[in-house]
Amino acid sequence: MARSLAVITGASSGIGVVFARKLAVEYDLLLIARRKELLEALAAELIALHGSVVAVLPADLTNARDLAVVADRIASEPTLALLVNNAGFGTSGVFWEANLEGQEQMHRLHVTATVRLSHAALKNMVGRNSGGIINVASVAAFVRRSGSASYGATKSWMTAFTEGLYLDLQSVQSAVKVQALCPGFTYSEFHDTMHVDRKGLAPPSLWLRAEFVVDESLKALPRGKLFVVPGWRYRAIVALVSKLPTPLRLAFEAAGSKRGFSGK
């Protein structure tokens, strides 16, 4: 009996790999990332463990041609049940000193790719009245800091976009579910790629395991929970900051910047 398909972007490392390992128990997979060798190694592991059908599609989602290929593939999959828009990266340093191409690539990946792939997935899912999308955002969507202007802005956009999709789906009484997953600091390659020292970013109590983040996401999806913030400490921070008047919120964020605090 054919299984439903889950598509995961950014599937070659970190949270994406954990999503793949968790979902392979129940789903066939389409794994998308730039690094073909890592995708193929993960696919071989999951096929051996679970007997899943695991396809890989190497692609750079900041490249318009690659993005079009991935979107067309998602739109044409007859058993599509889940899209995890997980691909992303961060940078450090004040905006005007940062490499402009890197900033533009971040917006293309977090915003344009999320739009294009979500549109393809929903065109596929809504007609069948089933499926779901998980957009991996960040606590940085709610708590900004200096040195990550584009990251905070794009992750804030992702949460607002997901909320808009939720309202669209509710307006037509669709059973398709959408979720904005907003983790805080998570052990993965994310900060290694940025070449930053984890010890200077946040105390150990604020670091999350990727397995915990993914478990919280997948547990909440069937319930239709829109915003998922893993960890009680992060939920408390988000609840506090969202209620502060703007001057106090900015003061909190400025203090957090000095300590290195930020989201995922």
Protein backbone atom coordinates (compact mmCIF):
# COMPACT_ATOMS: atom_id res chain seq x y z
CA MET A 1 0.00 0.00 0.00
CA ALA A 2 1.42 3.35 -1.08
CA ARG A 3 2.26 5.77 1.68
CA SER A 4 1.69 9.51 1.74
CA LEU A 5 4.59 11.81 0.84
CA ALA A 6 6.37 14.33 3.05
CA VAL A 7 8.65 16.91 1.42
CA ILE A 8 11.43 18.48 3.49
CA THR A 9 13.67 21.36 2.43
CA GLY A 10 16.99 21.92 4.14
CA ALA A 11 17.01 18.16 4.68
CA SER A 12 20.77 17.63 4.71
CA SER A 13 21.44 18.77 8.28
CA GLY A 14 20.04 19.88 11.62
CA ILE A 15 16.30 20.12 12.12
CA GLY A 16 15.70 18.95 8.55
CA VAL A 17 17.50 15.64 9.16
CA VAL A 18 15.51 15.08 12.34
CA PHE A 19 12.23 15.75 10.52
CA ALA A 20 13.29 13.18 7.91
CA ARG A 21 14.15 10.53 10.50
CA LYS A 22 10.90 11.05 12.39
CA LEU A 23 8.67 11.17 9.32
CA ALA A 24 10.26 8.18 7.54
CA VAL A 25 8.51 5.86 9.98
CA GLU A 26 5.14 6.78 8.46
CA TYR A 27 5.78 8.62 5.17
CA ASP A 28 7.64 8.29 1.91
CA LEU A 29 10.00 11.25 1.57
CA LEU A 30 11.30 13.80 -0.90
CA LEU A 31 14.47 15.34 0.54
CA ILE A 32 15.66 18.69 -0.82
CA ALA A 33 18.92 20.53 -0.12
CA ARG A 34 22.04 21.67 -1.95
CA ARG A 35 24.38 18.90 -0.77
CA LYS A 36 23.62 15.81 -2.85
CA GLU A 37 26.04 13.49 -1.05
CA LEU A 38 24.47 14.16 2.36
CA LEU A 39 20.96 13.70 0.97
CA GLU A 40 21.90 10.38 -0.61
CA ALA A 41 23.52 9.13 2.60
CA LEU A 42 20.43 10.05 4.61
CA ALA A 43 18.14 8.45 2.04
CA ALA A 44 20.11 5.19 2.17
CA GLU A 45 19.90 5.18 5.98
CA LEU A 46 16.13 5.71 6.01
CA ILE A 47 15.43 3.16 3.29
CA ALA A 48 17.43 0.55 5.22
CA LEU A 49 15.70 1.34 8.51
CA HIS A 50 12.10 1.81 7.42
CA GLY A 51 11.69 0.53 3.88
CA SER A 52 10.45 3.97 2.88
CA VAL A 53 10.58 5.29 -0.66
CA VAL A 54 13.03 8.18 -0.26
CA ALA A 55 13.83 10.41 -3.23
CA VAL A 56 16.41 13.18 -3.23
CA LEU A 57 16.29 16.41 -5.20
CA PRO A 58 19.47 18.50 -4.94
CA ALA A 59 18.53 22.16 -5.36
CA ASP A 60 19.56 25.66 -4.35
CA LEU A 61 16.27 27.34 -3.49
CA THR A 62 17.80 30.80 -3.89
CA ASN A 63 18.26 29.98 -7.57
CA ALA A 64 15.14 30.74 -9.65
CA ARG A 65 15.54 27.73 -11.95
CA ASP A 66 16.08 25.27 -9.12
CA LEU A 67 13.15 26.75 -7.22
CA ALA A 68 10.88 26.33 -10.24
CA VAL A 69 11.89 22.67 -10.59
CA VAL A 70 11.11 21.99 -6.93
CA ALA A 71 7.79 23.84 -7.05
CA ASP A 72 6.70 21.90 -10.15
CA ARG A 73 7.65 18.62 -8.48
CA ILE A 74 5.62 19.47 -5.35
CA ALA A 75 2.61 20.54 -7.39
CA SER A 76 2.60 17.26 -9.32
CA GLU A 77 2.95 14.81 -6.42
CA PRO A 78 -0.38 12.92 -6.13
CA THR A 79 0.22 11.68 -2.57
CA LEU A 80 1.61 14.90 -1.07
CA ALA A 81 0.63 15.10 2.60
CA LEU A 82 3.20 17.40 4.21
CA LEU A 83 5.63 20.15 3.21
CA VAL A 84 8.27 21.26 5.72
CA ASN A 85 9.77 24.59 4.64
CA ASN A 86 12.90 24.23 6.76
CA ALA A 87 15.72 25.56 4.57
CA GLY A 88 17.33 28.63 6.07
CA PHE A 89 20.48 30.27 7.39
CA GLY A 90 21.61 33.17 9.52
CA THR A 91 24.32 35.80 9.42
CA SER A 92 25.96 37.98 12.04
CA GLY A 93 27.02 41.61 12.02
CA VAL A 94 25.27 44.92 11.54
CA PHE A 95 23.30 45.16 8.31
CA TRP A 96 25.34 47.79 6.44
CA GLU A 97 28.59 45.91 7.03
CA ALA A 98 27.18 42.54 5.96
CA ASN A 99 27.67 41.10 2.49
CA LEU A 100 24.68 42.35 0.47
CA GLU A 101 24.43 39.20 -1.64
CA GLY A 102 24.13 37.12 1.52
CA GLN A 103 21.34 39.34 2.79
CA GLU A 104 19.47 39.09 -0.52
CA GLN A 105 19.93 35.31 -0.59
CA MET A 106 18.38 35.09 2.87
CA HIS A 107 15.29 36.95 1.69
CA ARG A 108 15.06 34.75 -1.41
CA LEU A 109 15.31 31.58 0.69
CA HIS A 110 13.13 32.49 3.67
CA VAL A 111 10.52 34.52 1.76
CA THR A 112 10.44 33.83 -1.98
CA ALA A 113 11.03 30.07 -1.69
CA THR A 114 8.45 29.77 1.09
CA VAL A 115 5.89 31.61 -1.07
CA ARG A 116 6.57 29.54 -4.17
CA LEU A 117 6.63 26.14 -2.49
CA SER A 118 3.64 26.85 -0.24
CA HIS A 119 1.62 27.94 -3.26
CA ALA A 120 2.51 24.75 -5.12
CA ALA A 121 1.70 22.59 -2.09
CA LEU A 122 -1.63 24.24 -1.32
CA LYS A 123 -2.78 24.04 -4.94
CA ASN A 124 -2.11 20.32 -4.58
CA MET A 125 -3.61 19.82 -1.11
CA VAL A 126 -6.68 22.04 -0.92
CA GLY A 127 -8.49 20.24 -3.73
CA ARG A 128 -8.05 16.97 -1.86
CA ASN A 129 -8.92 18.67 1.45
CA SER A 130 -5.98 17.10 3.27
CA GLY A 131 -2.36 17.79 4.10
CA GLY A 132 -0.25 20.27 5.99
CA ILE A 133 2.60 22.77 5.80
CA ILE A 134 5.16 23.46 8.53
CA ASN A 135 7.08 26.71 8.07
CA VAL A 136 10.18 26.69 10.27
CA ALA A 137 10.47 30.23 11.61
CA SER A 138 12.15 31.22 14.88
CA VAL A 139 11.71 32.89 18.24
CA ALA A 140 13.56 35.71 16.44
CA ALA A 141 10.22 36.41 14.76
CA PHE A 142 9.08 37.84 18.10
CA VAL A 143 12.35 38.91 19.76
CA ARG A 144 14.75 40.78 17.50
CA ARG A 145 18.38 41.68 18.16
CA SER A 146 21.14 43.74 16.61
CA GLY A 147 23.26 41.91 14.07
CA SER A 148 20.38 39.94 12.55
CA ALA A 149 18.08 42.50 10.91
CA SER A 150 17.29 40.37 7.85
CA TYR A 151 16.95 37.17 9.84
CA GLY A 152 14.47 38.63 12.32
CA ALA A 153 12.55 40.35 9.52
CA THR A 154 12.26 37.26 7.34
CA LYS A 155 11.26 35.03 10.24
CA SER A 156 8.66 37.61 11.34
CA TRP A 157 7.38 37.55 7.77
CA MET A 158 7.15 33.74 7.88
CA THR A 159 4.93 33.82 10.96
CA ALA A 160 2.68 36.52 9.47
CA PHE A 161 2.47 34.64 6.17
CA THR A 162 1.57 31.40 7.92
CA GLU A 163 -1.14 33.18 9.89
CA GLY A 164 -2.54 34.56 6.63
CA LEU A 165 -2.60 31.07 5.12
CA TYR A 166 -4.37 29.80 8.24
CA LEU A 167 -7.08 32.43 7.83
CA ASP A 168 -7.46 31.66 4.11
CA LEU A 169 -7.89 27.96 4.87
CA GLN A 170 -10.35 28.68 7.67
CA SER A 171 -12.40 30.90 5.35
CA VAL A 172 -13.12 27.92 3.07
CA GLN A 173 -13.36 25.42 5.95
CA SER A 174 -10.38 23.47 4.61
CA ALA A 175 -8.95 20.57 6.57
CA VAL A 176 -5.42 21.47 5.40
CA LYS A 177 -3.27 22.60 8.35
CA VAL A 178 -0.48 25.15 8.55
CA GLN A 179 2.01 25.73 11.34
CA ALA A 180 4.73 28.25 12.12
CA LEU A 181 7.38 26.41 14.14
CA CYS A 182 9.36 28.94 16.19
CA PRO A 183 12.30 27.36 18.02
CA GLY A 184 14.86 29.20 20.07
CA PHE A 185 18.52 28.22 20.20
CA THR A 186 18.78 24.67 18.87
CA TYR A 187 21.81 22.40 18.64
CA SER A 188 22.47 21.96 14.91
CA GLU A 189 24.87 23.09 12.18
CA PHE A 190 23.07 26.46 12.06
CA HIS A 191 25.49 28.32 14.34
CA ASP A 192 28.51 26.36 13.10
CA THR A 193 27.82 27.72 9.61
CA MET A 194 27.73 31.24 11.08
CA HIS A 195 31.10 30.59 12.81
CA VAL A 196 29.83 31.77 16.18
CA ASP A 197 30.55 30.36 19.63
CA ARG A 198 27.44 28.85 21.24
CA LYS A 199 28.77 29.57 24.72
CA GLY A 200 28.56 33.30 24.11
CA LEU A 201 25.04 33.22 22.74
CA ALA A 202 22.91 31.86 25.57
CA PRO A 203 23.11 29.83 28.80
CA PRO A 204 22.78 26.02 28.54
CA SER A 205 19.21 26.16 29.85
CA LEU A 206 18.10 27.93 26.65
CA TRP A 207 19.56 25.41 24.22
CA LEU A 208 17.12 22.89 22.74
CA ARG A 209 17.68 19.51 21.12
CA ALA A 210 16.51 19.30 17.52
CA GLU A 211 14.65 16.07 18.39
CA PHE A 212 12.61 17.93 21.01
CA VAL A 213 11.80 20.76 18.57
CA VAL A 214 10.59 18.33 15.89
CA ASP A 215 8.58 16.25 18.38
CA GLU A 216 6.79 19.38 19.59
CA SER A 217 6.01 20.36 16.00
CA LEU A 218 4.66 16.99 14.91
CA LYS A 219 2.66 16.57 18.11
CA ALA A 220 0.95 19.92 17.54
CA LEU A 221 0.24 19.55 13.82
CA PRO A 222 -2.80 17.22 14.04
CA ARG A 223 -4.33 19.61 16.57
CA GLY A 224 -4.06 22.47 14.10
CA LYS A 225 -1.98 24.66 16.41
CA LEU A 226 -0.80 27.67 14.41
CA PHE A 227 2.23 28.85 16.41
CA VAL A 228 4.49 26.28 18.07
CA VAL A 229 7.19 27.64 20.39
CA PRO A 230 9.06 24.65 21.88
CA GLY A 231 10.13 24.95 25.51
CA TRP A 232 8.42 26.69 28.41
CA ARG A 233 11.20 29.25 28.76
CA TYR A 234 10.77 30.43 25.20
CA ARG A 235 6.99 30.48 25.49
CA ALA A 236 7.37 32.69 28.57
CA ILE A 237 9.76 35.04 26.75
CA VAL A 238 7.46 35.36 23.74
CA ALA A 239 4.41 35.93 25.95
CA LEU A 240 6.24 38.62 27.92
CA VAL A 241 7.71 40.46 24.96
CA SER A 242 4.42 40.46 23.02
CA LYS A 243 2.74 42.34 25.88
CA LEU A 244 5.42 44.99 26.43
CA PRO A 245 4.94 48.55 25.16
CA THR A 246 7.29 49.28 22.27
CA PRO A 247 9.86 51.29 24.28
CA LEU A 248 10.15 48.50 26.85
CA ARG A 249 10.32 45.83 24.17
CA LEU A 250 13.12 47.69 22.40
CA ALA A 251 15.00 48.05 25.68
CA PHE A 252 14.60 44.31 26.33
CA GLU A 253 15.85 43.48 22.83
CA ALA A 254 18.80 45.86 23.16
CA ALA A 255 19.78 44.24 26.46
CA GLY A 256 19.42 40.82 24.91
CA SER A 257 21.65 41.87 22.01
CA LYS A 258 24.43 42.73 24.41
CA ARG A 259 24.14 39.29 25.99
CA GLY A 260 23.97 37.60 22.61
CA PHE A 261 20.35 36.52 23.03
CA SER A 262 18.40 35.66 19.92
CA GLY A 263 16.27 32.93 18.44
CA LYS A 264 17.23 29.86 16.43
